[in-house]
Amino acid sequence: MSVSVLPSSPAALSKSRWEDIAPFFDELSERPIDADAIGGWLQSWSRLEELVTEAAAVAMIAYTIDTSDPDKEA
C-alpha cells in the first residue's frame, strides 16, 4: 500500500478526522521492517506522531480559548 506523502505541517491536519489519518498508520503497520528499513520506518513513525500530536495540541488550545465555538470542539 502506498500512501501519499505526509503533510508538511500540523496545520494541514487541523480539520482531519481519524478516517483521514488512519491510512498513514495503516501504511506503517503494513510496511516490512528489517535491519535495512528500520531507520526509515522509525523516521516516518516519528514524523507522523509529531504531526498528529502537534495538531491535537493546537486544536485543544484553540478550543480552550473559545469554548463557545462548536466548530472547535473535538
PDB file of N, CA and C in Angstrom:
ATOM      1  N   MET A   1       0.843  -1.185   0.000  1.00  0.00           N
ATOM      2  CA  MET A   1       0.000   0.000   0.000  1.00  0.00           C
ATOM      3  C   MET A   1       0.876   1.231   0.000  1.00  0.00           C
ATOM      4  N   SER A   2       0.534   2.176  -0.813  1.00  0.00           N
ATOM      5  CA  SER A   2       1.304   3.404  -0.876  1.00  0.00           C
ATOM      6  C   SER A   2       0.406   4.584  -0.531  1.00  0.00           C
ATOM      7  N   VAL A   3       0.804   5.326   0.458  1.00  0.00           N
ATOM      8  CA  VAL A   3       0.049   6.495   0.897  1.00  0.00           C
ATOM      9  C   VAL A   3       0.801   7.726   0.440  1.00  0.00           C
ATOM     10  N   SER A   4       0.055   8.759   0.139  1.00  0.00           N
ATOM     11  CA  SER A   4       0.711   9.992  -0.285  1.00  0.00           C
ATOM     12  C   SER A   4       1.628  10.500   0.824  1.00  0.00           C
ATOM     13  N   VAL A   5       2.451  11.424   0.476  1.00  0.00           N
ATOM     14  CA  VAL A   5       3.429  11.987   1.398  1.00  0.00           C
ATOM     15  C   VAL A   5       2.712  12.645   2.575  1.00  0.00           C
ATOM     16  N   LEU A   6       3.308  12.548   3.734  1.00  0.00           N
ATOM     17  CA  LEU A   6       2.742  13.187   4.919  1.00  0.00           C
ATOM     18  C   LEU A   6       2.619  14.689   4.713  1.00  0.00           C
ATOM     19  N   PRO A   7       1.652  15.314   5.365  1.00  0.00           N
ATOM     20  CA  PRO A   7       1.548  16.773   5.287  1.00  0.00           C
ATOM     21  C   PRO A   7       2.831  17.417   5.799  1.00  0.00           C
ATOM     22  N   SER A   8       3.099  18.611   5.331  1.00  0.00           N
ATOM     23  CA  SER A   8       4.337  19.278   5.730  1.00  0.00           C
ATOM     24  C   SER A   8       4.221  19.999   7.067  1.00  0.00           C
ATOM     25  N   SER A   9       2.984  20.213   7.538  1.00  0.00           N
ATOM     26  CA  SER A   9       2.819  20.913   8.808  1.00  0.00           C
ATOM     27  C   SER A   9       1.593  20.389   9.550  1.00  0.00           C
ATOM     28  N   PRO A  10       1.575  20.571  10.864  1.00  0.00           N
ATOM     29  CA  PRO A  10       0.409  20.160  11.641  1.00  0.00           C
ATOM     30  C   PRO A  10      -0.864  20.901  11.225  1.00  0.00           C
ATOM     31  N   ALA A  11      -0.725  22.104  10.719  1.00  0.00           N
ATOM     32  CA  ALA A  11      -1.895  22.873  10.284  1.00  0.00           C
ATOM     33  C   ALA A  11      -2.682  22.127   9.210  1.00  0.00           C
ATOM     34  N   ALA A  12      -2.001  21.348   8.410  1.00  0.00           N
ATOM     35  CA  ALA A  12      -2.669  20.583   7.356  1.00  0.00           C
ATOM     36  C   ALA A  12      -3.575  19.497   7.934  1.00  0.00           C
ATOM     37  N   LEU A  13      -3.354  19.140   9.186  1.00  0.00           N
ATOM     38  CA  LEU A  13      -4.179  18.128   9.846  1.00  0.00           C
ATOM     39  C   LEU A  13      -5.241  18.748  10.752  1.00  0.00           C
ATOM     40  N   SER A  14      -5.336  20.061  10.761  1.00  0.00           N
ATOM     41  CA  SER A  14      -6.195  20.741  11.731  1.00  0.00           C
ATOM     42  C   SER A  14      -7.661  20.335  11.657  1.00  0.00           C
ATOM     43  N   LYS A  15      -8.164  20.021  10.510  1.00  0.00           N
ATOM     44  CA  LYS A  15      -9.570  19.625  10.357  1.00  0.00           C
ATOM     45  C   LYS A  15      -9.713  18.130  10.057  1.00  0.00           C
ATOM     46  N   SER A  16      -8.635  17.394  10.225  1.00  0.00           N
ATOM     47  CA  SER A  16      -8.648  15.966   9.896  1.00  0.00           C
ATOM     48  C   SER A  16      -9.445  15.168  10.907  1.00  0.00           C
ATOM     49  N   ARG A  17     -10.035  14.106  10.409  1.00  0.00           N
ATOM     50  CA  ARG A  17     -10.725  13.128  11.246  1.00  0.00           C
ATOM     51  C   ARG A  17      -9.887  11.849  11.202  1.00  0.00           C
ATOM     52  N   TRP A  18     -10.236  10.909  12.068  1.00  0.00           N
ATOM     53  CA  TRP A  18      -9.479   9.660  12.106  1.00  0.00           C
ATOM     54  C   TRP A  18      -9.407   9.022  10.724  1.00  0.00           C
ATOM     55  N   GLU A  19     -10.502   9.077   9.977  1.00  0.00           N
ATOM     56  CA  GLU A  19     -10.556   8.469   8.647  1.00  0.00           C
ATOM     57  C   GLU A  19      -9.513   9.071   7.703  1.00  0.00           C
ATOM     58  N   ASP A  20      -9.123  10.317   7.957  1.00  0.00           N
ATOM     59  CA  ASP A  20      -8.117  10.979   7.120  1.00  0.00           C
ATOM     60  C   ASP A  20      -6.696  10.575   7.505  1.00  0.00           C
ATOM     61  N   ILE A  21      -6.498  10.276   8.772  1.00  0.00           N
ATOM     62  CA  ILE A  21      -5.160   9.994   9.292  1.00  0.00           C
ATOM     63  C   ILE A  21      -4.848   8.499   9.311  1.00  0.00           C
ATOM     64  N   ALA A  22      -5.866   7.682   9.473  1.00  0.00           N
ATOM     65  CA  ALA A  22      -5.679   6.230   9.597  1.00  0.00           C
ATOM     66  C   ALA A  22      -4.853   5.608   8.473  1.00  0.00           C
ATOM     67  N   PRO A  23      -5.013   6.028   7.214  1.00  0.00           N
ATOM     68  CA  PRO A  23      -4.204   5.401   6.160  1.00  0.00           C
ATOM     69  C   PRO A  23      -2.693   5.527   6.374  1.00  0.00           C
ATOM     70  N   PHE A  24      -2.249   6.596   7.023  1.00  0.00           N
ATOM     71  CA  PHE A  24      -0.821   6.746   7.301  1.00  0.00           C
ATOM     72  C   PHE A  24      -0.368   5.685   8.309  1.00  0.00           C
ATOM     73  N   PHE A  25      -1.170   5.458   9.344  1.00  0.00           N
ATOM     74  CA  PHE A  25      -0.848   4.420  10.325  1.00  0.00           C
ATOM     75  C   PHE A  25      -0.950   3.030   9.701  1.00  0.00           C
ATOM     76  N   ASP A  26      -1.960   2.832   8.861  1.00  0.00           N
ATOM     77  CA  ASP A  26      -2.117   1.541   8.184  1.00  0.00           C
ATOM     78  C   ASP A  26      -0.901   1.226   7.318  1.00  0.00           C
ATOM     79  N   GLU A  27      -0.437   2.227   6.598  1.00  0.00           N
ATOM     80  CA  GLU A  27       0.726   2.024   5.730  1.00  0.00           C
ATOM     81  C   GLU A  27       1.941   1.626   6.559  1.00  0.00           C
ATOM     82  N   LEU A  28       2.132   2.284   7.687  1.00  0.00           N
ATOM     83  CA  LEU A  28       3.262   1.931   8.548  1.00  0.00           C
ATOM     84  C   LEU A  28       3.125   0.511   9.093  1.00  0.00           C
ATOM     85  N   SER A  29       1.920   0.119   9.456  1.00  0.00           N
ATOM     86  CA  SER A  29       1.737  -1.225  10.017  1.00  0.00           C
ATOM     87  C   SER A  29       1.939  -2.316   8.975  1.00  0.00           C
ATOM     88  N   GLU A  30       1.762  -1.976   7.713  1.00  0.00           N
ATOM     89  CA  GLU A  30       1.921  -2.952   6.636  1.00  0.00           C
ATOM     90  C   GLU A  30       3.316  -2.937   6.014  1.00  0.00           C
ATOM     91  N   ARG A  31       4.095  -1.933   6.339  1.00  0.00           N
ATOM     92  CA  ARG A  31       5.432  -1.816   5.763  1.00  0.00           C
ATOM     93  C   ARG A  31       6.360  -2.857   6.379  1.00  0.00           C
ATOM     94  N   PRO A  32       7.092  -3.607   5.552  1.00  0.00           N
ATOM     95  CA  PRO A  32       8.029  -4.591   6.110  1.00  0.00           C
ATOM     96  C   PRO A  32       9.162  -3.888   6.867  1.00  0.00           C
ATOM     97  N   ILE A  33       9.530  -4.483   7.976  1.00  0.00           N
ATOM     98  CA  ILE A  33      10.611  -3.918   8.784  1.00  0.00           C
ATOM     99  C   ILE A  33      11.729  -4.947   8.867  1.00  0.00           C
ATOM    100  N   ASP A  34      12.900  -4.538   8.427  1.00  0.00           N
ATOM    101  CA  ASP A  34      14.092  -5.362   8.581  1.00  0.00           C
ATOM    102  C   ASP A  34      15.238  -4.429   8.942  1.00  0.00           C
ATOM    103  N   ALA A  35      16.417  -4.974   9.073  1.00  0.00           N
ATOM    104  CA  ALA A  35      17.563  -4.179   9.512  1.00  0.00           C
ATOM    105  C   ALA A  35      17.822  -2.991   8.593  1.00  0.00           C
ATOM    106  N   ASP A  36      17.590  -3.157   7.305  1.00  0.00           N
ATOM    107  CA  ASP A  36      17.848  -2.072   6.361  1.00  0.00           C
ATOM    108  C   ASP A  36      16.748  -1.009   6.378  1.00  0.00           C
ATOM    109  N   ALA A  37      15.530  -1.395   6.711  1.00  0.00           N
ATOM    110  CA  ALA A  37      14.391  -0.482   6.616  1.00  0.00           C
ATOM    111  C   ALA A  37      14.007   0.170   7.937  1.00  0.00           C
ATOM    112  N   ILE A  38      14.554  -0.301   9.039  1.00  0.00           N
ATOM    113  CA  ILE A  38      14.096   0.183  10.337  1.00  0.00           C
ATOM    114  C   ILE A  38      14.314   1.684  10.526  1.00  0.00           C
ATOM    115  N   GLY A  39      15.415   2.208  10.030  1.00  0.00           N
ATOM    116  CA  GLY A  39      15.686   3.642  10.168  1.00  0.00           C
ATOM    117  C   GLY A  39      14.624   4.493   9.487  1.00  0.00           C
ATOM    118  N   GLY A  40      14.274   4.136   8.270  1.00  0.00           N
ATOM    119  CA  GLY A  40      13.243   4.868   7.538  1.00  0.00           C
ATOM    120  C   GLY A  40      11.880   4.719   8.173  1.00  0.00           C
ATOM    121  N   TRP A  41      11.587   3.507   8.678  1.00  0.00           N
ATOM    122  CA  TRP A  41      10.304   3.270   9.338  1.00  0.00           C
ATOM    123  C   TRP A  41      10.178   4.133  10.591  1.00  0.00           C
ATOM    124  N   LEU A  42      11.224   4.144  11.401  1.00  0.00           N
ATOM    125  CA  LEU A  42      11.202   4.947  12.625  1.00  0.00           C
ATOM    126  C   LEU A  42      11.098   6.436  12.317  1.00  0.00           C
ATOM    127  N   GLN A  43      11.763   6.874  11.274  1.00  0.00           N
ATOM    128  CA  GLN A  43      11.682   8.283  10.878  1.00  0.00           C
ATOM    129  C   GLN A  43      10.250   8.630  10.459  1.00  0.00           C
ATOM    130  N   SER A  44       9.618   7.768   9.687  1.00  0.00           N
ATOM    131  CA  SER A  44       8.235   8.001   9.256  1.00  0.00           C
ATOM    132  C   SER A  44       7.285   7.999  10.449  1.00  0.00           C
ATOM    133  N   TRP A  45       7.455   7.036  11.351  1.00  0.00           N
ATOM    134  CA  TRP A  45       6.611   6.965  12.545  1.00  0.00           C
ATOM    135  C   TRP A  45       6.774   8.229  13.390  1.00  0.00           C
ATOM    136  N   SER A  46       8.010   8.645  13.601  1.00  0.00           N
ATOM    137  CA  SER A  46       8.277   9.822  14.427  1.00  0.00           C
ATOM    138  C   SER A  46       7.657  11.075  13.827  1.00  0.00           C
ATOM    139  N   ARG A  47       7.773  11.226  12.518  1.00  0.00           N
ATOM    140  CA  ARG A  47       7.197  12.403  11.856  1.00  0.00           C
ATOM    141  C   ARG A  47       5.674  12.389  11.943  1.00  0.00           C
ATOM    142  N   LEU A  48       5.061  11.244  11.729  1.00  0.00           N
ATOM    143  CA  LEU A  48       3.606  11.143  11.822  1.00  0.00           C
ATOM    144  C   LEU A  48       3.144  11.455  13.242  1.00  0.00           C
ATOM    145  N   GLU A  49       3.792  10.879  14.220  1.00  0.00           N
ATOM    146  CA  GLU A  49       3.438  11.125  15.618  1.00  0.00           C
ATOM    147  C   GLU A  49       3.599  12.601  15.963  1.00  0.00           C
ATOM    148  N   GLU A  50       4.662  13.221  15.472  1.00  0.00           N
ATOM    149  CA  GLU A  50       4.910  14.644  15.715  1.00  0.00           C
ATOM    150  C   GLU A  50       3.784  15.500  15.126  1.00  0.00           C
ATOM    151  N   LEU A  51       3.398  15.217  13.893  1.00  0.00           N
ATOM    152  CA  LEU A  51       2.340  15.988  13.237  1.00  0.00           C
ATOM    153  C   LEU A  51       1.003  15.848  13.961  1.00  0.00           C
ATOM    154  N   VAL A  52       0.640  14.627  14.302  1.00  0.00           N
ATOM    155  CA  VAL A  52      -0.649  14.379  14.955  1.00  0.00           C
ATOM    156  C   VAL A  52      -0.677  15.005  16.351  1.00  0.00           C
ATOM    157  N   THR A  53       0.390  14.839  17.105  1.00  0.00           N
ATOM    158  CA  THR A  53       0.445  15.389  18.458  1.00  0.00           C
ATOM    159  C   THR A  53       0.377  16.909  18.444  1.00  0.00           C
ATOM    160  N   GLU A  54       1.122  17.536  17.549  1.00  0.00           N
ATOM    161  CA  GLU A  54       1.107  18.998  17.491  1.00  0.00           C
ATOM    162  C   GLU A  54      -0.242  19.518  17.001  1.00  0.00           C
ATOM    163  N   ALA A  55      -0.839  18.854  16.021  1.00  0.00           N
ATOM    164  CA  ALA A  55      -2.162  19.271  15.540  1.00  0.00           C
ATOM    165  C   ALA A  55      -3.192  19.165  16.662  1.00  0.00           C
ATOM    166  N   ALA A  56      -3.115  18.116  17.458  1.00  0.00           N
ATOM    167  CA  ALA A  56      -4.041  17.953  18.582  1.00  0.00           C
ATOM    168  C   ALA A  56      -3.835  19.045  19.629  1.00  0.00           C
ATOM    169  N   ALA A  57      -2.593  19.390  19.894  1.00  0.00           N
ATOM    170  CA  ALA A  57      -2.305  20.443  20.869  1.00  0.00           C
ATOM    171  C   ALA A  57      -2.837  21.792  20.393  1.00  0.00           C
ATOM    172  N   VAL A  58      -2.625  22.100  19.125  1.00  0.00           N
ATOM    173  CA  VAL A  58      -3.118  23.362  18.567  1.00  0.00           C
ATOM    174  C   VAL A  58      -4.643  23.405  18.626  1.00  0.00           C
ATOM    175  N   ALA A  59      -5.287  22.291  18.295  1.00  0.00           N
ATOM    176  CA  ALA A  59      -6.753  22.230  18.349  1.00  0.00           C
ATOM    177  C   ALA A  59      -7.254  22.418  19.778  1.00  0.00           C
ATOM    178  N   MET A  60      -6.595  21.816  20.741  1.00  0.00           N
ATOM    179  CA  MET A  60      -7.012  21.957  22.135  1.00  0.00           C
ATOM    180  C   MET A  60      -6.852  23.392  22.612  1.00  0.00           C
ATOM    181  N   ILE A  61      -5.770  24.028  22.232  1.00  0.00           N
ATOM    182  CA  ILE A  61      -5.565  25.429  22.607  1.00  0.00           C
ATOM    183  C   ILE A  61      -6.655  26.301  21.995  1.00  0.00           C
ATOM    184  N   ALA A  62      -6.947  26.092  20.725  1.00  0.00           N
ATOM    185  CA  ALA A  62      -7.993  26.873  20.055  1.00  0.00           C
ATOM    186  C   ALA A  62      -9.334  26.683  20.754  1.00  0.00           C
ATOM    187  N   TYR A  63      -9.622  25.467  21.168  1.00  0.00           N
ATOM    188  CA  TYR A  63     -10.890  25.193  21.849  1.00  0.00           C
ATOM    189  C   TYR A  63     -10.930  25.848  23.227  1.00  0.00           C
ATOM    190  N   THR A  64      -9.855  25.750  23.994  1.00  0.00           N
ATOM    191  CA  THR A  64      -9.870  26.309  25.345  1.00  0.00           C
ATOM    192  C   THR A  64      -9.895  27.830  25.335  1.00  0.00           C
ATOM    193  N   ILE A  65      -9.445  28.435  24.259  1.00  0.00           N
ATOM    194  CA  ILE A  65      -9.519  29.891  24.130  1.00  0.00           C
ATOM    195  C   ILE A  65     -10.959  30.334  23.894  1.00  0.00           C
ATOM    196  N   ASP A  66     -11.725  29.524  23.168  1.00  0.00           N
ATOM    197  CA  ASP A  66     -13.105  29.885  22.827  1.00  0.00           C
ATOM    198  C   ASP A  66     -13.995  28.650  22.899  1.00  0.00           C
ATOM    199  N   THR A  67     -14.425  28.299  24.092  1.00  0.00           N
ATOM    200  CA  THR A  67     -15.248  27.101  24.272  1.00  0.00           C
ATOM    201  C   THR A  67     -16.673  27.272  23.766  1.00  0.00           C
ATOM    202  N   SER A  68     -17.049  28.483  23.400  1.00  0.00           N
ATOM    203  CA  SER A  68     -18.406  28.699  22.889  1.00  0.00           C
ATOM    204  C   SER A  68     -18.533  28.365  21.404  1.00  0.00           C
ATOM    205  N   ASP A  69     -17.416  28.135  20.735  1.00  0.00           N
ATOM    206  CA  ASP A  69     -17.426  27.841  19.299  1.00  0.00           C
ATOM    207  C   ASP A  69     -17.533  26.328  19.086  1.00  0.00           C
ATOM    208  N   PRO A  70     -18.697  25.832  18.644  1.00  0.00           N
ATOM    209  CA  PRO A  70     -18.859  24.383  18.465  1.00  0.00           C
ATOM    210  C   PRO A  70     -17.954  23.796  17.376  1.00  0.00           C
ATOM    211  N   ASP A  71     -17.485  24.616  16.450  1.00  0.00           N
ATOM    212  CA  ASP A  71     -16.581  24.120  15.405  1.00  0.00           C
ATOM    213  C   ASP A  71     -15.218  23.734  15.964  1.00  0.00           C
ATOM    214  N   LYS A  72     -14.892  24.247  17.137  1.00  0.00           N
ATOM    215  CA  LYS A  72     -13.587  23.953  17.733  1.00  0.00           C
ATOM    216  C   LYS A  72     -13.632  22.762  18.684  1.00  0.00           C
ATOM    217  N   GLU A  73     -14.812  22.206  18.908  1.00  0.00           N
ATOM    218  CA  GLU A  73     -14.928  21.026  19.764  1.00  0.00           C
ATOM    219  C   GLU A  73     -14.377  19.802  19.051  1.00  0.00           C
ATOM    220  N   ALA A  74     -13.871  18.879  19.836  1.00  0.00           N
ATOM    221  CA  ALA A  74     -13.337  17.642  19.250  1.00  0.00           C
ATOM    222  C   ALA A  74     -14.455  16.774  18.741  1.00  0.00           C
TER     223      ALA A  74
END
